[in-house]
Amino acid sequence: MLSVMFIKSETKELKPFQKLSIPEACEITETVETQYQRTRKKAHADFFILDEEDHEIYAGTLSIGSGHARHVVDHIKKKLTSLKMDDIQEARKRSFLEQLEKEVPDHLKTTDGSSSLEDATEDYVQMNQTSVLSTRNRRMIYGGGILSLIILSVTCFSTVATSQD
């Protein structure tokens, strides 16, 4: 069973060096996140995810009140899914995320597809940016069209010129 230990926190609700289970940590951080968003406060909390033998397996900093994540596990999921890794690390990452997801209380699981304002803005920017691949394709299509017109014109001109002789 995994646990969370906050080591440094700017909030009084997250006590330093207190070991919490994943469900407890999710409940507390979700409550604090909601309160801080309502009051437009922001704070940071450094934390560790510990395994059964109290070995550190993940370290991170939770931005409370930013709206980036609903709770500590949601923060980890969003952070890790944005990282590109090799195949072995990717398998470990999936296993770790599945293990975390099992321990999150059902009412806090983010299966509804909701996203924060920051994610929506990032998606909008990505949609409006022209990718390099589409620019290259467009150039190749225009170039091919122009080349075809030139070949067609030369063929017509040479056919007309030879038929007049």
C-alpha atoms as a PDB file:
ATOM      1  CA  MET A   1       0.000   0.000   0.000  1.00  0.00           C
ATOM      2  CA  LEU A   2       1.330   3.395  -0.971  1.00  0.00           C
ATOM      3  CA  SER A   3       1.353   6.434   1.275  1.00  0.00           C
ATOM      4  CA  VAL A   4       1.972  10.167   0.978  1.00  0.00           C
ATOM      5  CA  MET A   5       4.209  12.283   3.167  1.00  0.00           C
ATOM      6  CA  PHE A   6       4.173  16.043   2.819  1.00  0.00           C
ATOM      7  CA  ILE A   7       7.590  17.390   3.735  1.00  0.00           C
ATOM      8  CA  LYS A   8       7.072  21.098   3.292  1.00  0.00           C
ATOM      9  CA  SER A   9       3.763  22.872   3.027  1.00  0.00           C
ATOM     10  CA  GLU A  10       2.533  26.435   2.985  1.00  0.00           C
ATOM     11  CA  THR A  11      -0.846  25.305   4.361  1.00  0.00           C
ATOM     12  CA  LYS A  12      -1.793  24.344   7.890  1.00  0.00           C
ATOM     13  CA  GLU A  13      -4.011  21.468   6.682  1.00  0.00           C
ATOM     14  CA  LEU A  14      -1.055  19.505   5.274  1.00  0.00           C
ATOM     15  CA  LYS A  15       1.175  18.781   8.235  1.00  0.00           C
ATOM     16  CA  PRO A  16       4.855  18.133   7.454  1.00  0.00           C
ATOM     17  CA  PHE A  17       6.231  14.613   7.941  1.00  0.00           C
ATOM     18  CA  GLN A  18       2.816  13.113   8.649  1.00  0.00           C
ATOM     19  CA  LYS A  19       2.335   9.867   6.741  1.00  0.00           C
ATOM     20  CA  LEU A  20      -1.087   9.648   5.069  1.00  0.00           C
ATOM     21  CA  SER A  21      -2.754   6.919   3.072  1.00  0.00           C
ATOM     22  CA  ILE A  22      -3.553   7.734  -0.570  1.00  0.00           C
ATOM     23  CA  PRO A  23      -7.323   8.057   0.078  1.00  0.00           C
ATOM     24  CA  GLU A  24      -6.704  10.413   3.042  1.00  0.00           C
ATOM     25  CA  ALA A  25      -4.247  12.521   1.055  1.00  0.00           C
ATOM     26  CA  CYS A  26      -6.674  12.761  -1.875  1.00  0.00           C
ATOM     27  CA  GLU A  27      -9.541  13.823   0.409  1.00  0.00           C
ATOM     28  CA  ILE A  28      -7.471  16.462   2.205  1.00  0.00           C
ATOM     29  CA  THR A  29      -5.815  17.901  -0.907  1.00  0.00           C
ATOM     30  CA  GLU A  30      -9.153  17.999  -2.766  1.00  0.00           C
ATOM     31  CA  THR A  31     -10.739  19.919   0.109  1.00  0.00           C
ATOM     32  CA  VAL A  32      -7.808  22.330   0.391  1.00  0.00           C
ATOM     33  CA  GLU A  33      -7.718  22.808  -3.400  1.00  0.00           C
ATOM     34  CA  THR A  34     -11.424  23.710  -3.442  1.00  0.00           C
ATOM     35  CA  GLN A  35     -11.035  26.158  -0.536  1.00  0.00           C
ATOM     36  CA  TYR A  36      -8.006  27.837  -2.080  1.00  0.00           C
ATOM     37  CA  GLN A  37      -9.683  28.160  -5.477  1.00  0.00           C
ATOM     38  CA  ARG A  38     -12.725  29.772  -3.882  1.00  0.00           C
ATOM     39  CA  THR A  39     -10.594  32.291  -1.999  1.00  0.00           C
ATOM     40  CA  ARG A  40      -8.142  32.662  -4.913  1.00  0.00           C
ATOM     41  CA  LYS A  41      -5.192  31.732  -2.708  1.00  0.00           C
ATOM     42  CA  LYS A  42      -2.201  29.767  -3.954  1.00  0.00           C
ATOM     43  CA  ALA A  43       0.274  27.616  -2.077  1.00  0.00           C
ATOM     44  CA  HIS A  44       2.797  24.872  -2.717  1.00  0.00           C
ATOM     45  CA  ALA A  45       3.380  21.601  -0.926  1.00  0.00           C
ATOM     46  CA  ASP A  46       6.344  19.285  -1.475  1.00  0.00           C
ATOM     47  CA  PHE A  47       5.563  15.603  -1.015  1.00  0.00           C
ATOM     48  CA  PHE A  48       6.842  12.047  -1.399  1.00  0.00           C
ATOM     49  CA  ILE A  49       4.996   8.910  -2.410  1.00  0.00           C
ATOM     50  CA  LEU A  50       6.306   6.058  -0.279  1.00  0.00           C
ATOM     51  CA  ASP A  51       5.991   2.305  -0.844  1.00  0.00           C
ATOM     52  CA  GLU A  52       5.293  -0.359   1.800  1.00  0.00           C
ATOM     53  CA  GLU A  53       8.899  -0.241   3.096  1.00  0.00           C
ATOM     54  CA  ASP A  54       8.828   3.585   3.263  1.00  0.00           C
ATOM     55  CA  HIS A  55      11.115   3.959   0.238  1.00  0.00           C
ATOM     56  CA  GLU A  56      10.571   7.095  -1.791  1.00  0.00           C
ATOM     57  CA  ILE A  57       9.192   6.214  -5.229  1.00  0.00           C
ATOM     58  CA  TYR A  58       7.969   9.649  -6.328  1.00  0.00           C
ATOM     59  CA  ALA A  59       8.683  13.218  -5.269  1.00  0.00           C
ATOM     60  CA  GLY A  60       6.762  16.255  -6.398  1.00  0.00           C
ATOM     61  CA  THR A  61       5.390  19.675  -5.613  1.00  0.00           C
ATOM     62  CA  LEU A  62       1.638  20.193  -5.530  1.00  0.00           C
ATOM     63  CA  SER A  63       0.406  23.637  -6.571  1.00  0.00           C
ATOM     64  CA  ILE A  64      -2.658  24.235  -4.434  1.00  0.00           C
ATOM     65  CA  GLY A  65      -5.268  26.689  -5.676  1.00  0.00           C
ATOM     66  CA  SER A  66      -3.936  26.730  -9.237  1.00  0.00           C
ATOM     67  CA  GLY A  67      -6.737  24.577 -10.651  1.00  0.00           C
ATOM     68  CA  HIS A  68      -4.207  22.326 -12.358  1.00  0.00           C
ATOM     69  CA  ALA A  69      -5.261  19.208 -10.425  1.00  0.00           C
ATOM     70  CA  ARG A  70      -8.137  18.214  -8.154  1.00  0.00           C
ATOM     71  CA  HIS A  71      -5.958  16.314  -5.685  1.00  0.00           C
ATOM     72  CA  VAL A  72      -2.485  14.852  -5.241  1.00  0.00           C
ATOM     73  CA  VAL A  73      -3.027  11.734  -7.402  1.00  0.00           C
ATOM     74  CA  ASP A  74      -4.606  13.802 -10.174  1.00  0.00           C
ATOM     75  CA  HIS A  75      -1.480  16.007 -10.073  1.00  0.00           C
ATOM     76  CA  ILE A  76       0.804  12.965 -10.394  1.00  0.00           C
ATOM     77  CA  LYS A  77      -1.253  11.522 -13.263  1.00  0.00           C
ATOM     78  CA  LYS A  78      -1.161  14.761 -15.224  1.00  0.00           C
ATOM     79  CA  LYS A  79       2.551  15.251 -14.584  1.00  0.00           C
ATOM     80  CA  LEU A  80       3.583  11.721 -15.528  1.00  0.00           C
ATOM     81  CA  THR A  81       1.349  11.413 -18.583  1.00  0.00           C
ATOM     82  CA  SER A  82       2.951  14.529 -20.054  1.00  0.00           C
ATOM     83  CA  LEU A  83       6.434  12.980 -19.807  1.00  0.00           C
ATOM     84  CA  LYS A  84       7.812  10.916 -22.688  1.00  0.00           C
ATOM     85  CA  MET A  85       9.833   7.877 -21.603  1.00  0.00           C
ATOM     86  CA  ASP A  86      11.426   4.804 -23.111  1.00  0.00           C
ATOM     87  CA  ASP A  87       9.487   1.510 -23.187  1.00  0.00           C
ATOM     88  CA  ILE A  88      10.729   0.145 -19.844  1.00  0.00           C
ATOM     89  CA  GLN A  89      10.089   3.396 -18.005  1.00  0.00           C
ATOM     90  CA  GLU A  90       6.710   3.715 -19.738  1.00  0.00           C
ATOM     91  CA  ALA A  91       5.697   0.279 -18.389  1.00  0.00           C
ATOM     92  CA  ARG A  92       6.789   1.246 -14.860  1.00  0.00           C
ATOM     93  CA  LYS A  93       4.902   4.535 -15.164  1.00  0.00           C
ATOM     94  CA  ARG A  94       1.692   2.756 -16.249  1.00  0.00           C
ATOM     95  CA  SER A  95       2.018   0.258 -13.396  1.00  0.00           C
ATOM     96  CA  PHE A  96       2.587   3.041 -10.849  1.00  0.00           C
ATOM     97  CA  LEU A  97      -0.367   5.071 -12.156  1.00  0.00           C
ATOM     98  CA  GLU A  98      -2.655   2.022 -12.079  1.00  0.00           C
ATOM     99  CA  GLN A  99      -1.609   1.294  -8.502  1.00  0.00           C
ATOM    100  CA  LEU A 100      -2.312   4.910  -7.508  1.00  0.00           C
ATOM    101  CA  GLU A 101      -5.646   4.964  -9.316  1.00  0.00           C
ATOM    102  CA  LYS A 102      -6.832   1.859  -7.428  1.00  0.00           C
ATOM    103  CA  GLU A 103      -6.381   3.649  -4.117  1.00  0.00           C
ATOM    104  CA  VAL A 104      -8.206   6.873  -5.048  1.00  0.00           C
ATOM    105  CA  PRO A 105     -11.718   7.066  -3.549  1.00  0.00           C
ATOM    106  CA  ASP A 106     -14.403   6.516  -6.206  1.00  0.00           C
ATOM    107  CA  HIS A 107     -15.986   9.945  -5.814  1.00  0.00           C
ATOM    108  CA  LEU A 108     -12.612  11.615  -6.549  1.00  0.00           C
ATOM    109  CA  LYS A 109     -11.718   9.674  -9.687  1.00  0.00           C
ATOM    110  CA  THR A 110     -11.498  11.919 -12.727  1.00  0.00           C
ATOM    111  CA  THR A 111     -13.350   9.819 -15.286  1.00  0.00           C
ATOM    112  CA  ASP A 112     -15.824  12.523 -16.238  1.00  0.00           C
ATOM    113  CA  GLY A 113     -13.419  14.057 -18.772  1.00  0.00           C
ATOM    114  CA  SER A 114     -13.407  17.401 -17.011  1.00  0.00           C
ATOM    115  CA  SER A 115     -10.346  19.506 -17.492  1.00  0.00           C
ATOM    116  CA  SER A 116      -9.081  22.627 -15.899  1.00  0.00           C
ATOM    117  CA  LEU A 117      -8.889  26.042 -17.507  1.00  0.00           C
ATOM    118  CA  GLU A 118      -5.154  25.615 -18.003  1.00  0.00           C
ATOM    119  CA  ASP A 119      -5.655  22.356 -19.935  1.00  0.00           C
ATOM    120  CA  ALA A 120      -8.401  23.889 -22.079  1.00  0.00           C
ATOM    121  CA  THR A 121      -6.164  26.856 -22.930  1.00  0.00           C
ATOM    122  CA  GLU A 122      -3.286  24.554 -23.820  1.00  0.00           C
ATOM    123  CA  ASP A 123      -5.568  22.460 -26.080  1.00  0.00           C
ATOM    124  CA  TYR A 124      -6.863  25.618 -27.789  1.00  0.00           C
ATOM    125  CA  VAL A 125      -3.320  26.851 -28.481  1.00  0.00           C
ATOM    126  CA  GLN A 126      -2.316  23.457 -29.867  1.00  0.00           C
ATOM    127  CA  MET A 127      -5.374  23.369 -32.134  1.00  0.00           C
ATOM    128  CA  ASN A 128      -4.618  26.804 -33.570  1.00  0.00           C
ATOM    129  CA  GLN A 129      -0.942  26.148 -34.276  1.00  0.00           C
ATOM    130  CA  THR A 130      -0.127  24.862 -37.754  1.00  0.00           C
ATOM    131  CA  SER A 131       2.046  21.815 -37.458  1.00  0.00           C
ATOM    132  CA  VAL A 132       5.287  21.469 -39.420  1.00  0.00           C
ATOM    133  CA  LEU A 133       3.992  18.334 -41.098  1.00  0.00           C
ATOM    134  CA  SER A 134       0.914  20.052 -42.551  1.00  0.00           C
ATOM    135  CA  THR A 135       3.056  22.950 -43.764  1.00  0.00           C
ATOM    136  CA  ARG A 136       5.383  20.522 -45.556  1.00  0.00           C
ATOM    137  CA  ASN A 137       2.432  18.678 -47.059  1.00  0.00           C
ATOM    138  CA  ARG A 138       0.933  21.923 -48.288  1.00  0.00           C
ATOM    139  CA  ARG A 139       4.227  22.929 -49.929  1.00  0.00           C
ATOM    140  CA  MET A 140       4.557  19.517 -51.596  1.00  0.00           C
ATOM    141  CA  ILE A 141       1.000  19.690 -52.948  1.00  0.00           C
ATOM    142  CA  TYR A 142       1.482  23.208 -54.328  1.00  0.00           C
ATOM    143  CA  GLY A 143       4.879  22.285 -55.770  1.00  0.00           C
ATOM    144  CA  GLY A 144       3.493  19.135 -57.376  1.00  0.00           C
ATOM    145  CA  GLY A 145       0.604  21.093 -58.861  1.00  0.00           C
ATOM    146  CA  ILE A 146       2.900  23.742 -60.313  1.00  0.00           C
ATOM    147  CA  LEU A 147       5.279  21.081 -61.678  1.00  0.00           C
ATOM    148  CA  SER A 148       2.336  19.249 -63.285  1.00  0.00           C
ATOM    149  CA  LEU A 149       1.165  22.495 -64.926  1.00  0.00           C
ATOM    150  CA  ILE A 150       4.666  23.164 -66.285  1.00  0.00           C
ATOM    151  CA  ILE A 151       4.963  19.627 -67.708  1.00  0.00           C
ATOM    152  CA  LEU A 152       1.479  19.879 -69.222  1.00  0.00           C
ATOM    153  CA  SER A 153       2.286  23.283 -70.740  1.00  0.00           C
ATOM    154  CA  VAL A 154       5.592  22.063 -72.219  1.00  0.00           C
ATOM    155  CA  THR A 155       3.889  18.975 -73.626  1.00  0.00           C
ATOM    156  CA  CYS A 156       1.090  21.033 -75.206  1.00  0.00           C
ATOM    157  CA  PHE A 157       3.551  23.593 -76.575  1.00  0.00           C
ATOM    158  CA  SER A 158       5.827  20.921 -78.070  1.00  0.00           C
ATOM    159  CA  THR A 159       2.809  19.074 -79.552  1.00  0.00           C
ATOM    160  CA  VAL A 160       1.485  22.267 -81.135  1.00  0.00           C
ATOM    161  CA  ALA A 161       4.963  23.266 -82.395  1.00  0.00           C
ATOM    162  CA  THR A 162       5.631  19.875 -84.003  1.00  0.00           C
ATOM    163  CA  SER A 163       2.182  19.648 -85.585  1.00  0.00           C
ATOM    164  CA  GLN A 164       2.662  23.033 -87.307  1.00  0.00           C
ATOM    165  CA  ASP A 165       5.911  21.864 -88.921  1.00  0.00           C
END
